[in-house]
Amino acid sequence: MYAVIQTGGKQYRVTEGDVVDVERLSGVSTDSPDVTFDHVLMVGGDDVKVGAPNVDGAKVTAKLLAEVRGPKITVFKMKRRKQYRRKTGHRQDLHRIRIENIEA
């Protein structure tokens, strides 16, 4: 059984036991590592349920494994012929979660 969940403006196809890096979740920390996703867009398996936009009564539970950071992104701004150049970087804060259960 698999599900398509939406979090952080992105959609993820997950199955039980998957380890996924998602954008930082508010209200989740190492003290309270349980996460519940209610925005389930689709549940697949023997029979496929597609939501409009969410599947009624479906939820995905997960457990927080670690707080990690994504790869470094280089941001370079330049205006030609004006001697203007700025180079900065960015690393996104992520949560690494393991999918525990999919309920449809």
Protein backbone atom coordinates (compact mmCIF):
# COMPACT_ATOMS: atom_id res chain seq x y z
CA MET A 1 0.00 0.00 0.00
CA TYR A 2 1.25 3.48 -0.83
CA ALA A 3 0.01 7.03 -0.40
CA VAL A 4 0.65 10.46 -1.87
CA ILE A 5 0.93 13.11 0.86
CA GLN A 6 1.36 16.85 0.66
CA THR A 7 3.59 18.81 3.04
CA GLY A 8 5.70 21.91 2.66
CA GLY A 9 4.18 22.68 -0.74
CA LYS A 10 5.50 19.41 -2.16
CA GLN A 11 3.99 15.99 -2.80
CA TYR A 12 5.63 12.70 -1.79
CA ARG A 13 4.78 9.12 -2.73
CA VAL A 14 5.41 7.04 0.39
CA THR A 15 5.05 3.45 1.55
CA GLU A 16 5.41 1.99 5.04
CA GLY A 17 9.04 1.95 6.15
CA ASP A 18 10.20 4.71 3.78
CA VAL A 19 12.63 7.34 5.08
CA VAL A 20 11.87 10.76 3.57
CA ASP A 21 13.40 14.24 4.00
CA VAL A 22 10.60 16.84 4.19
CA GLU A 23 10.65 20.56 4.87
CA ARG A 24 10.80 21.50 8.54
CA LEU A 25 7.49 20.77 10.30
CA SER A 26 6.15 23.16 12.92
CA GLY A 27 5.31 21.69 16.31
CA VAL A 28 7.52 18.64 15.82
CA SER A 29 10.74 18.13 17.76
CA THR A 30 12.82 15.33 19.25
CA ASP A 31 10.68 15.60 22.41
CA SER A 32 7.48 14.84 20.48
CA PRO A 33 8.63 12.80 17.46
CA ASP A 34 5.21 11.58 16.25
CA VAL A 35 3.90 13.19 13.05
CA THR A 36 0.48 12.81 11.43
CA PHE A 37 -0.24 13.85 7.85
CA ASP A 38 -3.91 14.56 7.11
CA HIS A 39 -3.38 15.93 3.59
CA VAL A 40 -3.48 12.55 1.82
CA LEU A 41 -4.13 13.10 -1.88
CA MET A 42 -4.23 9.47 -2.98
CA VAL A 43 -4.07 5.97 -1.51
CA GLY A 44 -3.07 3.10 -3.75
CA GLY A 45 -2.84 -0.65 -3.44
CA ASP A 46 -5.49 -3.23 -4.37
CA ASP A 47 -8.00 -0.43 -4.93
CA VAL A 48 -7.01 3.16 -5.65
CA LYS A 49 -8.70 6.03 -3.81
CA VAL A 50 -8.22 9.51 -5.23
CA GLY A 51 -9.26 12.51 -3.16
CA ALA A 52 -10.91 15.70 -4.24
CA PRO A 53 -8.57 17.19 -2.97
CA ASN A 54 -8.04 14.90 0.08
CA VAL A 55 -9.09 11.30 0.72
CA ASP A 56 -11.73 11.23 3.49
CA GLY A 57 -10.60 9.40 6.63
CA ALA A 58 -7.08 8.71 5.37
CA LYS A 59 -4.02 9.58 7.39
CA VAL A 60 -0.34 8.75 7.40
CA THR A 61 1.63 8.52 10.65
CA ALA A 62 5.39 8.92 10.83
CA LYS A 63 8.19 9.26 13.37
CA LEU A 64 10.88 11.95 13.38
CA LEU A 65 14.37 10.46 13.03
CA ALA A 66 16.59 13.55 12.80
CA GLU A 67 16.79 17.23 12.02
CA VAL A 68 19.07 17.63 8.99
CA ARG A 69 20.06 20.33 6.52
CA GLY A 70 19.79 20.14 2.77
CA PRO A 71 22.55 20.73 0.22
CA LYS A 72 24.04 24.18 -0.13
CA ILE A 73 22.50 26.34 -2.84
CA THR A 74 24.57 29.17 -4.31
CA VAL A 75 22.70 32.42 -4.95
CA PHE A 76 24.52 34.80 -7.30
CA LYS A 77 23.17 38.24 -8.23
CA MET A 78 24.80 40.42 -10.87
CA LYS A 79 24.00 43.56 -12.82
CA ARG A 80 26.09 43.86 -15.92
CA ARG A 81 28.27 46.91 -16.44
CA LYS A 82 27.43 48.25 -12.95
CA GLN A 83 30.14 46.47 -10.90
CA TYR A 84 27.40 44.84 -8.79
CA ARG A 85 27.96 41.24 -7.68
CA ARG A 86 26.61 39.44 -4.61
CA LYS A 87 27.26 35.78 -3.83
CA THR A 88 25.46 34.14 -0.92
CA GLY A 89 24.42 30.63 -0.01
CA HIS A 90 21.43 28.88 1.54
CA ARG A 91 20.80 25.54 3.26
CA GLN A 92 17.22 24.48 3.94
CA ASP A 93 16.29 22.96 7.31
CA LEU A 94 14.74 19.50 6.84
CA HIS A 95 13.20 16.80 8.98
CA ARG A 96 14.06 13.17 8.25
CA ILE A 97 11.00 11.02 8.96
CA ARG A 98 10.15 7.32 8.72
CA ILE A 99 6.65 6.34 7.59
CA GLU A 100 5.09 4.06 10.21
CA ASN A 101 1.49 3.48 9.14
CA ILE A 102 -0.93 4.31 6.30
CA GLU A 103 -4.64 4.27 7.17
CA ALA A 104 -7.24 4.54 4.41
